[in-house]
Amino acid sequence: MQYLTNACKILMLNEFEIAAWGVWLDEYLLDDDDAYTVEDFVFNTAFYLKLNLNGEEFLEGMFVSYFN
């Protein structure tokens, strides 16, 4: 749960994005191979969703304001 919360805070996910992410994660099957840690999987899927639901200009502005 902490990984999910951290990803939401870092990527500044809104309610719609969190709901879409939950639906997407519900349908996704995590294999037993150890290619990714749980933390990497959670953050990468959240970033993938954020990237696909928003335009590049929005994301660029969001990350610039976050890192400044």
C-alpha atoms as a PDB file:
ATOM      1  CA  MET A   1       0.000   0.000   0.000  1.00  0.00           C
ATOM      2  CA  GLN A   2       2.900   2.333   0.749  1.00  0.00           C
ATOM      3  CA  TYR A   3       4.297   1.866  -2.787  1.00  0.00           C
ATOM      4  CA  LEU A   4       0.926   2.782  -4.283  1.00  0.00           C
ATOM      5  CA  THR A   5       0.666   5.868  -2.095  1.00  0.00           C
ATOM      6  CA  ASN A   6       4.208   6.973  -2.917  1.00  0.00           C
ATOM      7  CA  ALA A   7       3.640   6.570  -6.661  1.00  0.00           C
ATOM      8  CA  CYS A   8       0.421   8.625  -6.431  1.00  0.00           C
ATOM      9  CA  LYS A   9       2.212  11.417  -4.574  1.00  0.00           C
ATOM     10  CA  ILE A  10       5.326  11.467  -6.770  1.00  0.00           C
ATOM     11  CA  LEU A  11       3.392  11.406 -10.048  1.00  0.00           C
ATOM     12  CA  MET A  12       0.610  13.640  -8.689  1.00  0.00           C
ATOM     13  CA  LEU A  13      -2.144  11.294  -9.889  1.00  0.00           C
ATOM     14  CA  ASN A  14      -5.649  12.697  -9.781  1.00  0.00           C
ATOM     15  CA  GLU A  15      -8.751  10.705  -8.852  1.00  0.00           C
ATOM     16  CA  PHE A  16      -9.523   9.648 -12.417  1.00  0.00           C
ATOM     17  CA  GLU A  17      -5.960   8.438 -12.985  1.00  0.00           C
ATOM     18  CA  ILE A  18      -5.989   6.475  -9.725  1.00  0.00           C
ATOM     19  CA  ALA A  19      -9.297   4.832 -10.650  1.00  0.00           C
ATOM     20  CA  ALA A  20      -8.028   3.961 -14.145  1.00  0.00           C
ATOM     21  CA  TRP A  21      -4.798   2.631 -12.665  1.00  0.00           C
ATOM     22  CA  GLY A  22      -6.766   0.438 -10.249  1.00  0.00           C
ATOM     23  CA  VAL A  23      -8.825  -1.024 -13.091  1.00  0.00           C
ATOM     24  CA  TRP A  24      -5.686  -1.589 -15.141  1.00  0.00           C
ATOM     25  CA  LEU A  25      -3.841  -3.264 -12.241  1.00  0.00           C
ATOM     26  CA  ASP A  26      -6.866  -5.457 -11.534  1.00  0.00           C
ATOM     27  CA  GLU A  27      -6.651  -6.890 -15.056  1.00  0.00           C
ATOM     28  CA  TYR A  28      -2.859  -7.288 -15.076  1.00  0.00           C
ATOM     29  CA  LEU A  29      -1.281 -10.563 -14.015  1.00  0.00           C
ATOM     30  CA  LEU A  30       2.123 -10.304 -12.387  1.00  0.00           C
ATOM     31  CA  ASP A  31       4.311 -13.241 -13.345  1.00  0.00           C
ATOM     32  CA  ASP A  32       6.515 -14.940 -10.813  1.00  0.00           C
ATOM     33  CA  ASP A  33       9.748 -13.979 -12.548  1.00  0.00           C
ATOM     34  CA  ASP A  34      11.956 -11.627 -10.578  1.00  0.00           C
ATOM     35  CA  ALA A  35      12.626  -9.179 -13.414  1.00  0.00           C
ATOM     36  CA  TYR A  36      11.146  -6.272 -11.422  1.00  0.00           C
ATOM     37  CA  THR A  37      10.682  -5.493  -7.781  1.00  0.00           C
ATOM     38  CA  VAL A  38       7.189  -4.652  -6.593  1.00  0.00           C
ATOM     39  CA  GLU A  39       8.211  -1.032  -6.099  1.00  0.00           C
ATOM     40  CA  ASP A  40       9.556  -0.793  -9.676  1.00  0.00           C
ATOM     41  CA  PHE A  41       6.425  -2.436 -11.073  1.00  0.00           C
ATOM     42  CA  VAL A  42       4.094  -0.073  -9.207  1.00  0.00           C
ATOM     43  CA  PHE A  43       5.981   3.074 -10.188  1.00  0.00           C
ATOM     44  CA  ASN A  44       6.446   2.044 -13.823  1.00  0.00           C
ATOM     45  CA  THR A  45       2.781   1.148 -14.291  1.00  0.00           C
ATOM     46  CA  ALA A  46       1.723   4.448 -12.700  1.00  0.00           C
ATOM     47  CA  PHE A  47       4.090   6.364 -14.967  1.00  0.00           C
ATOM     48  CA  TYR A  48       2.838   4.459 -18.032  1.00  0.00           C
ATOM     49  CA  LEU A  49      -0.742   5.343 -17.152  1.00  0.00           C
ATOM     50  CA  LYS A  50       0.101   8.998 -16.484  1.00  0.00           C
ATOM     51  CA  LEU A  51       1.916   9.200 -19.809  1.00  0.00           C
ATOM     52  CA  ASN A  52      -0.977   7.685 -21.759  1.00  0.00           C
ATOM     53  CA  LEU A  53      -3.766   9.706 -20.134  1.00  0.00           C
ATOM     54  CA  ASN A  54      -2.070  13.105 -20.449  1.00  0.00           C
ATOM     55  CA  GLY A  55      -0.335  15.018 -23.204  1.00  0.00           C
ATOM     56  CA  GLU A  56       3.399  15.562 -23.310  1.00  0.00           C
ATOM     57  CA  GLU A  57       3.069  19.307 -22.720  1.00  0.00           C
ATOM     58  CA  PHE A  58       1.103  18.714 -19.522  1.00  0.00           C
ATOM     59  CA  LEU A  59       3.639  16.189 -18.244  1.00  0.00           C
ATOM     60  CA  GLU A  60       6.584  18.426 -19.062  1.00  0.00           C
ATOM     61  CA  GLY A  61       5.023  21.302 -17.149  1.00  0.00           C
ATOM     62  CA  MET A  62       4.129  19.043 -14.232  1.00  0.00           C
ATOM     63  CA  PHE A  63       7.645  17.627 -13.873  1.00  0.00           C
ATOM     64  CA  VAL A  64       9.318  21.012 -14.278  1.00  0.00           C
ATOM     65  CA  SER A  65       7.174  22.447 -11.480  1.00  0.00           C
ATOM     66  CA  TYR A  66       7.796  19.377  -9.305  1.00  0.00           C
ATOM     67  CA  PHE A  67      11.581  19.410  -9.632  1.00  0.00           C
ATOM     68  CA  ASN A  68      11.961  23.195  -9.205  1.00  0.00           C
END
